[in-house]
Amino acid sequence: MPSHRKQQWSWALYDWGNSAFATTVLAGFFPIFFNQYWAADVAPQTQTLYQGITATIASVVVMLLAPWLGMVADQRAAKKRFLAGFTALGVVTTAALYLVGQGQWLWAMGLSVLGRIGFFGGLSFYDALLINVARADEMDRVSSLGYSLGYLGGGVLFAVNVAMALKPELFGLADAALATRVAFVMVALWWLVFALPLFRFVPEGAASAGEGGWSAILSTFGQLRQHKSIWLFLLAYWLYIDGVDTVIVMAVDFGMKLGFASDSLIVALLLVQFVGFPAALVFGWLGERLGTRQAIFMALAVYAAVTVWAYFLQTVGQFYAMAAAIGCVQGGVQALSRAYYARLIPADQAGEFFGFYNMLGKFAAVLGPLIVGITAQLSGSPRLAILSLLVFFVAGGVLLAKVQEPQAR
């Protein structure tokens, strides 16, 4: 394999590895195991509160650290070193969940906070390394390759972990609780093993010049004001990714509120993963053929239609169809947004600018579910709550239309 392609595949394999944390831990097993094992004696509404606190603490920490650490990584040519540190944090704390006994919900919360910081904190440096492995005309394809492998890799291990939990005796395990604890260790090893090619083959790039400290952060804000295309895109991205992330984290809760069985919800999660694998590759191709922004518009149109569809949803079969529709566009909108932003920003400040990019993504992960929750509380309707996301996709698309194409700048 030519060195250039080896670098691209090595970069993308990191997504294959760390996506297991997003699927098995974040979306799948941790919420269920927390409620039924670690915090089984805690009131249901308090369980929800504790999980919300866990997610919020991790998000706030990443939001505060990402721009500053990105700037330091650029100036010291240390993106891979920072990524290695966050990866180690995530791997170790995820594996340590195996040791948390029944009723020890506080330990589970603490380790989950650290694991989430390791996962989300490393994304800024991983995203920034895209510029080091792909030319401008390759970014749609390579970014989509990463998300595609992420869906497949995360889905494969999640499917194995689900089988372990449902039929533990087939794997020589005593019960579903032990199978779930073993699954956390498997996620950690999966993440570690598939991260190694990136650290071996992906180049770091040169250090950037410039001042350090918080003055550099203020300087970057000044650059954002000067480059209308960058801050307009970030505002558009913040709005529509708010909707995308909220669909991801609230879909299972929405299905439960409609009375669907937990087994059906797990099937829907798996469906998103395996549809997302080829769909992300297709969107990389669409980005190259139709234009990146046009392909993002297509994805946002599907999301807008899905939020309206969810309002009228009635059956499990329709829920599966909606999951498949989301799987068709979820990886595409994420991958192409990353590639589009990479073309807009200064290459020698990629770490810092991607720090702001992921900071907005984490802020969206805090705000979106809050809007849905408030709407549900005021209206008493989970359908209206999901429908409230329509404004994010429409407003994000309108702002994206005002962004000047990178090639013209």
Protein backbone atom coordinates (compact mmCIF):
# COMPACT_ATOMS: atom_id res chain seq x y z
CA MET A 1 0.00 0.00 0.00
CA PRO A 2 1.44 3.43 -0.91
CA SER A 3 2.54 5.47 2.09
CA HIS A 4 -0.12 8.15 1.53
CA ARG A 5 -2.97 5.62 1.53
CA LYS A 6 -1.46 3.83 4.54
CA GLN A 7 -1.58 7.09 6.46
CA GLN A 8 -5.22 7.63 5.52
CA TRP A 9 -6.29 4.12 6.52
CA SER A 10 -4.27 4.32 9.74
CA TRP A 11 -6.03 7.60 10.58
CA ALA A 12 -9.46 6.14 9.78
CA LEU A 13 -8.86 2.99 11.85
CA TYR A 14 -8.80 5.12 14.98
CA ASP A 15 -12.48 5.82 14.30
CA TRP A 16 -13.07 2.06 13.95
CA GLY A 17 -11.58 1.62 17.41
CA ASN A 18 -12.96 4.48 19.48
CA SER A 19 -16.50 4.18 18.06
CA ALA A 20 -16.94 1.06 20.18
CA PHE A 21 -17.01 3.37 23.19
CA ALA A 22 -19.77 5.47 21.60
CA THR A 23 -21.93 2.44 20.75
CA THR A 24 -21.41 -0.18 23.47
CA VAL A 25 -20.73 2.19 26.37
CA LEU A 26 -22.48 5.52 25.73
CA ALA A 27 -25.52 4.53 23.67
CA GLY A 28 -25.96 0.91 24.70
CA PHE A 29 -24.81 -0.67 27.92
CA PHE A 30 -23.88 2.09 30.35
CA PRO A 31 -27.38 3.66 30.66
CA ILE A 32 -29.07 0.27 31.10
CA PHE A 33 -26.41 -1.17 33.44
CA PHE A 34 -26.35 2.00 35.53
CA ASN A 35 -30.09 1.80 36.13
CA GLN A 36 -30.33 -1.95 36.67
CA TYR A 37 -27.04 -2.78 38.44
CA TRP A 38 -24.94 0.11 39.77
CA ALA A 39 -27.87 2.31 40.85
CA ALA A 40 -30.62 -0.29 41.13
CA ASP A 41 -31.66 0.97 44.59
CA VAL A 42 -31.85 4.60 43.46
CA ALA A 43 -35.16 6.18 42.46
CA PRO A 44 -35.72 6.23 38.67
CA GLN A 45 -35.84 10.02 38.41
CA THR A 46 -32.62 10.24 40.43
CA GLN A 47 -30.96 7.71 38.12
CA THR A 48 -31.78 9.98 35.19
CA LEU A 49 -30.43 12.99 37.09
CA TYR A 50 -27.16 11.21 37.89
CA GLN A 51 -26.65 10.18 34.27
CA GLY A 52 -27.39 13.72 33.14
CA ILE A 53 -24.85 15.09 35.62
CA THR A 54 -22.27 12.59 34.34
CA ALA A 55 -22.69 13.68 30.74
CA THR A 56 -22.79 17.39 31.61
CA ILE A 57 -19.59 17.36 33.70
CA ALA A 58 -17.65 15.65 30.93
CA SER A 59 -19.06 18.00 28.30
CA VAL A 60 -18.20 21.13 30.28
CA VAL A 61 -14.63 19.95 30.93
CA VAL A 62 -14.07 19.23 27.22
CA MET A 63 -15.65 22.55 26.22
CA LEU A 64 -13.28 24.47 28.47
CA LEU A 65 -10.13 22.55 27.57
CA ALA A 66 -10.49 21.91 23.83
CA PRO A 67 -9.53 25.33 22.34
CA TRP A 68 -6.61 25.90 24.72
CA LEU A 69 -5.16 22.40 24.35
CA GLY A 70 -5.62 22.63 20.59
CA MET A 71 -3.56 25.82 20.51
CA VAL A 72 -0.81 24.20 22.62
CA ALA A 73 -0.81 21.13 20.37
CA ASP A 74 -0.36 23.31 17.27
CA GLN A 75 2.52 25.30 18.74
CA ARG A 76 4.36 22.26 20.07
CA ALA A 77 3.50 19.87 17.21
CA ALA A 78 1.91 17.66 19.85
CA LYS A 79 -1.48 16.62 18.44
CA LYS A 80 -0.52 12.94 18.50
CA ARG A 81 0.82 13.21 22.04
CA PHE A 82 -2.35 14.85 23.31
CA LEU A 83 -4.44 12.28 21.45
CA ALA A 84 -2.39 9.50 23.04
CA GLY A 85 -2.99 10.96 26.50
CA PHE A 86 -6.75 11.24 26.04
CA THR A 87 -6.87 7.78 24.48
CA ALA A 88 -5.02 6.28 27.45
CA LEU A 89 -7.43 8.02 29.83
CA GLY A 90 -10.44 6.65 27.98
CA VAL A 91 -9.06 3.12 27.62
CA VAL A 92 -8.00 2.74 31.26
CA THR A 93 -11.18 4.14 32.80
CA THR A 94 -13.44 2.14 30.46
CA ALA A 95 -11.66 -1.08 31.39
CA ALA A 96 -11.89 -0.11 35.07
CA LEU A 97 -15.71 -0.21 34.87
CA TYR A 98 -15.28 -3.99 35.10
CA LEU A 99 -14.20 -3.53 38.74
CA VAL A 100 -17.23 -1.48 39.81
CA GLY A 101 -19.53 -3.59 41.94
CA GLN A 102 -23.27 -3.61 42.30
CA GLY A 103 -24.57 -0.51 44.06
CA GLN A 104 -21.35 1.48 43.48
CA TRP A 105 -23.01 4.13 41.33
CA LEU A 106 -20.66 6.92 42.43
CA TRP A 107 -17.61 5.01 41.16
CA ALA A 108 -19.46 4.27 37.92
CA MET A 109 -20.23 7.96 37.49
CA GLY A 110 -16.64 9.02 38.16
CA LEU A 111 -15.12 6.53 35.74
CA SER A 112 -17.72 7.38 33.11
CA VAL A 113 -16.89 11.09 33.38
CA LEU A 114 -13.18 10.32 32.84
CA GLY A 115 -13.94 7.92 29.98
CA ARG A 116 -16.10 10.51 28.24
CA ILE A 117 -13.38 13.14 28.66
CA GLY A 118 -10.89 10.71 27.10
CA PHE A 119 -13.23 10.00 24.18
CA PHE A 120 -14.49 13.50 23.41
CA GLY A 121 -11.32 15.30 24.45
CA GLY A 122 -9.27 13.35 21.91
CA LEU A 123 -11.57 14.11 18.98
CA SER A 124 -10.18 17.63 18.41
CA PHE A 125 -6.68 16.25 17.84
CA TYR A 126 -7.93 13.32 15.77
CA ASP A 127 -9.98 15.64 13.54
CA ALA A 128 -7.06 18.06 13.19
CA LEU A 129 -4.82 15.26 11.91
CA LEU A 130 -7.11 14.93 8.86
CA ILE A 131 -5.23 17.85 7.31
CA ASN A 132 -1.98 15.87 7.60
CA VAL A 133 -3.23 12.82 5.68
CA ALA A 134 -5.55 14.26 3.03
CA ARG A 135 -5.25 16.91 0.35
CA ALA A 136 -8.13 19.36 -0.05
CA ASP A 137 -9.63 17.30 -2.88
CA GLU A 138 -9.44 14.12 -0.76
CA MET A 139 -10.98 15.40 2.47
CA ASP A 140 -14.58 14.39 1.72
CA ARG A 141 -13.53 10.83 0.91
CA VAL A 142 -11.07 10.39 3.79
CA SER A 143 -13.31 12.01 6.40
CA SER A 144 -16.19 9.80 5.24
CA LEU A 145 -13.93 6.75 5.37
CA GLY A 146 -13.28 7.46 9.05
CA TYR A 147 -16.96 7.73 9.91
CA SER A 148 -17.79 4.71 7.78
CA LEU A 149 -15.24 2.51 9.52
CA GLY A 150 -16.45 3.92 12.82
CA TYR A 151 -19.99 2.76 12.17
CA LEU A 152 -18.82 -0.67 11.06
CA GLY A 153 -16.25 -1.19 13.81
CA GLY A 154 -18.51 0.09 16.55
CA GLY A 155 -21.42 -1.92 15.17
CA VAL A 156 -19.48 -5.19 14.94
CA LEU A 157 -18.30 -5.08 18.55
CA PHE A 158 -21.69 -3.85 19.76
CA ALA A 159 -23.38 -6.81 18.05
CA VAL A 160 -20.97 -9.22 19.77
CA ASN A 161 -21.52 -7.50 23.13
CA VAL A 162 -25.30 -7.68 22.73
CA ALA A 163 -25.05 -11.41 21.95
CA MET A 164 -22.91 -11.86 25.07
CA ALA A 165 -25.49 -10.10 27.24
CA LEU A 166 -28.44 -12.00 25.76
CA LYS A 167 -26.77 -15.46 25.74
CA PRO A 168 -23.91 -15.30 28.28
CA GLU A 169 -23.72 -19.09 28.58
CA LEU A 170 -22.64 -19.38 24.95
CA PHE A 171 -19.55 -17.33 25.83
CA GLY A 172 -18.75 -19.19 29.04
CA LEU A 173 -20.04 -16.34 31.21
CA ALA A 174 -22.15 -16.75 34.34
CA ASP A 175 -24.79 -14.12 33.66
CA ALA A 176 -25.66 -10.95 31.76
CA ALA A 177 -24.08 -8.75 34.46
CA LEU A 178 -20.69 -10.40 34.03
CA ALA A 179 -21.10 -10.28 30.24
CA THR A 180 -21.69 -6.53 30.43
CA ARG A 181 -18.63 -5.99 32.64
CA VAL A 182 -16.49 -8.04 30.24
CA ALA A 183 -17.87 -5.96 27.36
CA PHE A 184 -16.37 -2.82 28.92
CA VAL A 185 -12.93 -4.46 28.93
CA MET A 186 -13.41 -5.55 25.30
CA VAL A 187 -14.25 -1.97 24.31
CA ALA A 188 -11.08 -0.71 25.97
CA LEU A 189 -8.89 -3.28 24.19
CA TRP A 190 -10.64 -2.67 20.85
CA TRP A 191 -10.05 1.07 21.18
CA LEU A 192 -6.39 0.60 22.10
CA VAL A 193 -5.48 -1.92 19.39
CA PHE A 194 -7.02 0.03 16.51
CA ALA A 195 -5.51 3.30 17.72
CA LEU A 196 -1.96 2.00 17.30
CA PRO A 197 -1.69 2.40 13.47
CA LEU A 198 -2.41 6.14 13.78
CA PHE A 199 0.42 6.66 16.23
CA ARG A 200 2.76 4.62 14.04
CA PHE A 201 2.02 5.92 10.54
CA VAL A 202 0.20 9.29 10.67
CA PRO A 203 2.57 12.29 10.49
CA GLU A 204 2.38 14.99 13.13
CA GLY A 205 3.10 18.03 10.97
CA ALA A 206 5.17 21.10 11.76
CA ALA A 207 4.74 23.32 14.79
CA SER A 208 2.97 26.64 14.22
CA ALA A 209 4.42 30.03 15.07
CA GLY A 210 2.71 32.55 17.31
CA GLU A 211 2.08 33.58 20.87
CA GLY A 212 0.87 31.19 23.54
CA GLY A 213 -1.52 31.24 26.46
CA TRP A 214 -4.99 32.70 26.52
CA SER A 215 -3.88 35.62 24.37
CA ALA A 216 -3.66 33.14 21.50
CA ILE A 217 -7.26 32.07 22.15
CA LEU A 218 -8.38 35.71 21.98
CA SER A 219 -6.35 36.08 18.79
CA THR A 220 -8.22 33.16 17.26
CA PHE A 221 -11.54 34.79 18.16
CA GLY A 222 -10.26 37.85 16.32
CA GLN A 223 -9.52 35.73 13.27
CA LEU A 224 -13.02 34.27 13.41
CA ARG A 225 -14.45 37.79 13.24
CA GLN A 226 -12.26 38.55 10.21
CA HIS A 227 -13.22 35.37 8.34
CA LYS A 228 -16.96 35.57 7.88
CA SER A 229 -17.12 32.14 6.23
CA ILE A 230 -15.57 30.42 9.26
CA TRP A 231 -17.79 31.91 11.95
CA LEU A 232 -20.92 31.61 9.79
CA PHE A 233 -20.15 27.95 9.24
CA LEU A 234 -19.50 27.40 12.96
CA LEU A 235 -22.84 29.00 13.81
CA ALA A 236 -24.64 26.90 11.19
CA TYR A 237 -22.82 23.78 12.38
CA TRP A 238 -23.68 24.50 16.00
CA LEU A 239 -27.38 24.67 15.12
CA TYR A 240 -27.73 21.63 12.90
CA ILE A 241 -25.31 19.39 14.80
CA ASP A 242 -27.35 20.26 17.88
CA GLY A 243 -30.26 18.55 16.18
CA VAL A 244 -28.15 15.61 14.98
CA ASP A 245 -26.62 14.95 18.42
CA THR A 246 -29.97 15.27 20.16
CA VAL A 247 -31.50 12.69 17.84
CA ILE A 248 -28.61 10.35 18.72
CA VAL A 249 -28.92 10.69 22.50
CA MET A 250 -32.73 10.97 22.73
CA ALA A 251 -33.84 8.34 20.20
CA VAL A 252 -33.89 5.46 22.72
CA ASP A 253 -35.76 7.57 25.29
CA PHE A 254 -38.25 8.59 22.57
CA GLY A 255 -38.85 4.94 21.67
CA MET A 256 -39.35 4.01 25.32
CA LYS A 257 -41.89 6.81 25.76
CA LEU A 258 -43.84 5.38 22.81
CA GLY A 259 -43.88 1.99 24.57
CA PHE A 260 -41.42 0.08 22.38
CA ALA A 261 -39.52 -2.83 23.97
CA SER A 262 -35.84 -2.42 24.87
CA ASP A 263 -34.90 -5.27 22.51
CA SER A 264 -36.50 -3.37 19.64
CA LEU A 265 -34.54 -0.25 20.55
CA ILE A 266 -31.24 -2.17 20.52
CA VAL A 267 -32.13 -3.54 17.08
CA ALA A 268 -32.72 0.05 15.92
CA LEU A 269 -29.31 1.09 17.25
CA LEU A 270 -27.64 -1.76 15.38
CA LEU A 271 -29.57 -0.83 12.24
CA VAL A 272 -28.20 2.73 12.38
CA GLN A 273 -24.67 1.37 12.74
CA PHE A 274 -24.74 -1.01 9.80
CA VAL A 275 -26.68 1.29 7.47
CA GLY A 276 -24.29 4.07 8.45
CA PHE A 277 -21.25 2.13 7.23
CA PRO A 278 -21.98 2.18 3.46
CA ALA A 279 -23.99 5.41 3.67
CA ALA A 280 -21.03 7.41 4.98
CA LEU A 281 -18.93 6.19 2.03
CA VAL A 282 -21.72 7.18 -0.37
CA PHE A 283 -21.82 10.67 1.12
CA GLY A 284 -18.08 11.00 0.61
CA TRP A 285 -18.69 10.22 -3.06
CA LEU A 286 -21.61 12.67 -3.20
CA GLY A 287 -19.45 15.38 -1.67
CA GLU A 288 -16.88 14.94 -4.42
CA ARG A 289 -19.45 14.78 -7.22
CA LEU A 290 -22.11 17.30 -6.16
CA GLY A 291 -20.13 19.49 -3.78
CA THR A 292 -19.69 19.16 -0.03
CA ARG A 293 -22.21 21.82 0.93
CA GLN A 294 -24.87 20.44 -1.41
CA ALA A 295 -24.47 16.97 0.12
CA ILE A 296 -24.82 18.46 3.63
CA PHE A 297 -28.05 20.17 2.50
CA MET A 298 -29.36 16.77 1.37
CA ALA A 299 -28.63 15.27 4.79
CA LEU A 300 -30.30 18.17 6.61
CA ALA A 301 -33.39 17.80 4.43
CA VAL A 302 -33.65 14.13 5.46
CA TYR A 303 -33.27 15.07 9.13
CA ALA A 304 -35.98 17.71 8.81
CA ALA A 305 -38.31 15.14 7.21
CA VAL A 306 -37.50 12.60 9.95
CA THR A 307 -38.46 15.02 12.75
CA VAL A 308 -41.84 15.60 11.09
CA TRP A 309 -42.23 11.85 10.50
CA ALA A 310 -41.47 11.13 14.18
CA TYR A 311 -44.45 13.23 15.20
CA PHE A 312 -46.78 10.76 13.43
CA LEU A 313 -44.85 7.57 14.30
CA GLN A 314 -46.99 4.65 15.47
CA THR A 315 -45.36 1.22 15.04
CA VAL A 316 -42.03 -0.48 15.73
CA GLY A 317 -41.67 -1.11 12.00
CA GLN A 318 -41.93 2.62 11.36
CA PHE A 319 -39.36 3.21 14.10
CA TYR A 320 -36.97 0.82 12.31
CA ALA A 321 -37.57 2.65 9.02
CA MET A 322 -36.82 5.95 10.72
CA ALA A 323 -33.62 4.47 12.19
CA ALA A 324 -32.56 3.35 8.72
CA ALA A 325 -33.24 6.83 7.31
CA ILE A 326 -31.11 8.37 10.06
CA GLY A 327 -28.37 5.83 9.39
CA CYS A 328 -28.31 6.94 5.76
CA VAL A 329 -27.36 10.53 6.65
CA GLN A 330 -25.91 10.61 10.18
CA GLY A 331 -22.34 9.71 9.24
CA GLY A 332 -22.53 11.74 6.06
CA VAL A 333 -23.43 15.04 7.72
CA GLN A 334 -20.75 14.53 10.38
CA ALA A 335 -18.01 13.53 7.93
CA LEU A 336 -18.69 16.22 5.35
CA SER A 337 -19.00 18.94 7.99
CA ARG A 338 -15.55 18.01 9.27
CA ALA A 339 -14.10 18.02 5.75
CA TYR A 340 -15.78 21.33 4.83
CA TYR A 341 -14.47 23.02 7.99
CA ALA A 342 -10.96 21.65 7.38
CA ARG A 343 -10.91 23.49 4.03
CA LEU A 344 -11.99 26.77 5.62
CA ILE A 345 -9.45 27.05 8.44
CA PRO A 346 -5.70 27.88 8.44
CA ALA A 347 -3.84 24.57 8.15
CA ASP A 348 -1.15 25.52 10.68
CA GLN A 349 -3.80 26.21 13.36
CA ALA A 350 -5.89 23.09 12.78
CA GLY A 351 -5.66 21.88 16.38
CA GLU A 352 -6.86 25.16 17.81
CA PHE A 353 -9.63 25.70 15.27
CA PHE A 354 -10.86 22.13 15.66
CA GLY A 355 -10.84 22.77 19.39
CA PHE A 356 -13.49 25.45 18.81
CA TYR A 357 -15.30 23.11 16.40
CA ASN A 358 -15.59 20.34 18.97
CA MET A 359 -16.34 22.83 21.74
CA LEU A 360 -19.45 23.85 19.81
CA GLY A 361 -20.31 20.20 19.28
CA LYS A 362 -20.18 19.57 23.02
CA PHE A 363 -22.20 22.71 23.76
CA ALA A 364 -24.81 21.42 21.33
CA ALA A 365 -24.87 18.12 23.23
CA VAL A 366 -25.82 20.08 26.36
CA LEU A 367 -28.38 22.46 24.83
CA GLY A 368 -30.30 20.15 22.48
CA PRO A 369 -31.52 17.57 25.02
CA LEU A 370 -32.41 20.45 27.36
CA ILE A 371 -34.70 21.99 24.71
CA VAL A 372 -36.32 18.63 24.05
CA GLY A 373 -36.75 18.01 27.78
CA ILE A 374 -38.32 21.41 28.42
CA THR A 375 -40.67 20.99 25.46
CA ALA A 376 -41.71 17.55 26.72
CA GLN A 377 -42.25 18.91 30.24
CA LEU A 378 -44.38 21.84 29.06
CA SER A 379 -46.37 19.96 26.41
CA GLY A 380 -46.47 16.48 27.92
CA SER A 381 -45.83 15.11 24.43
CA PRO A 382 -42.63 13.30 23.34
CA ARG A 383 -43.76 13.85 19.75
CA LEU A 384 -43.80 17.63 20.08
CA ALA A 385 -40.47 17.43 21.87
CA ILE A 386 -38.82 15.72 18.88
CA LEU A 387 -40.62 18.04 16.45
CA SER A 388 -38.97 21.01 18.21
CA LEU A 389 -35.68 19.92 16.60
CA LEU A 390 -36.99 20.97 13.18
CA VAL A 391 -35.98 24.58 13.85
CA PHE A 392 -32.33 23.55 14.33
CA PHE A 393 -32.09 21.84 10.95
CA VAL A 394 -33.90 24.64 9.09
CA ALA A 395 -31.95 27.46 10.75
CA GLY A 396 -28.64 25.64 10.33
CA GLY A 397 -29.33 25.08 6.64
CA VAL A 398 -30.23 28.74 6.09
CA LEU A 399 -26.96 29.90 7.68
CA LEU A 400 -24.93 27.30 5.79
CA ALA A 401 -26.29 28.73 2.52
CA LYS A 402 -24.66 32.06 3.41
CA VAL A 403 -21.16 30.54 3.80
CA GLN A 404 -18.77 31.39 0.96
CA GLU A 405 -17.37 28.27 -0.65
CA PRO A 406 -13.73 27.60 0.37
CA GLN A 407 -12.52 27.42 -3.24
CA ALA A 408 -13.63 31.01 -3.82
CA ARG A 409 -11.79 32.44 -0.83
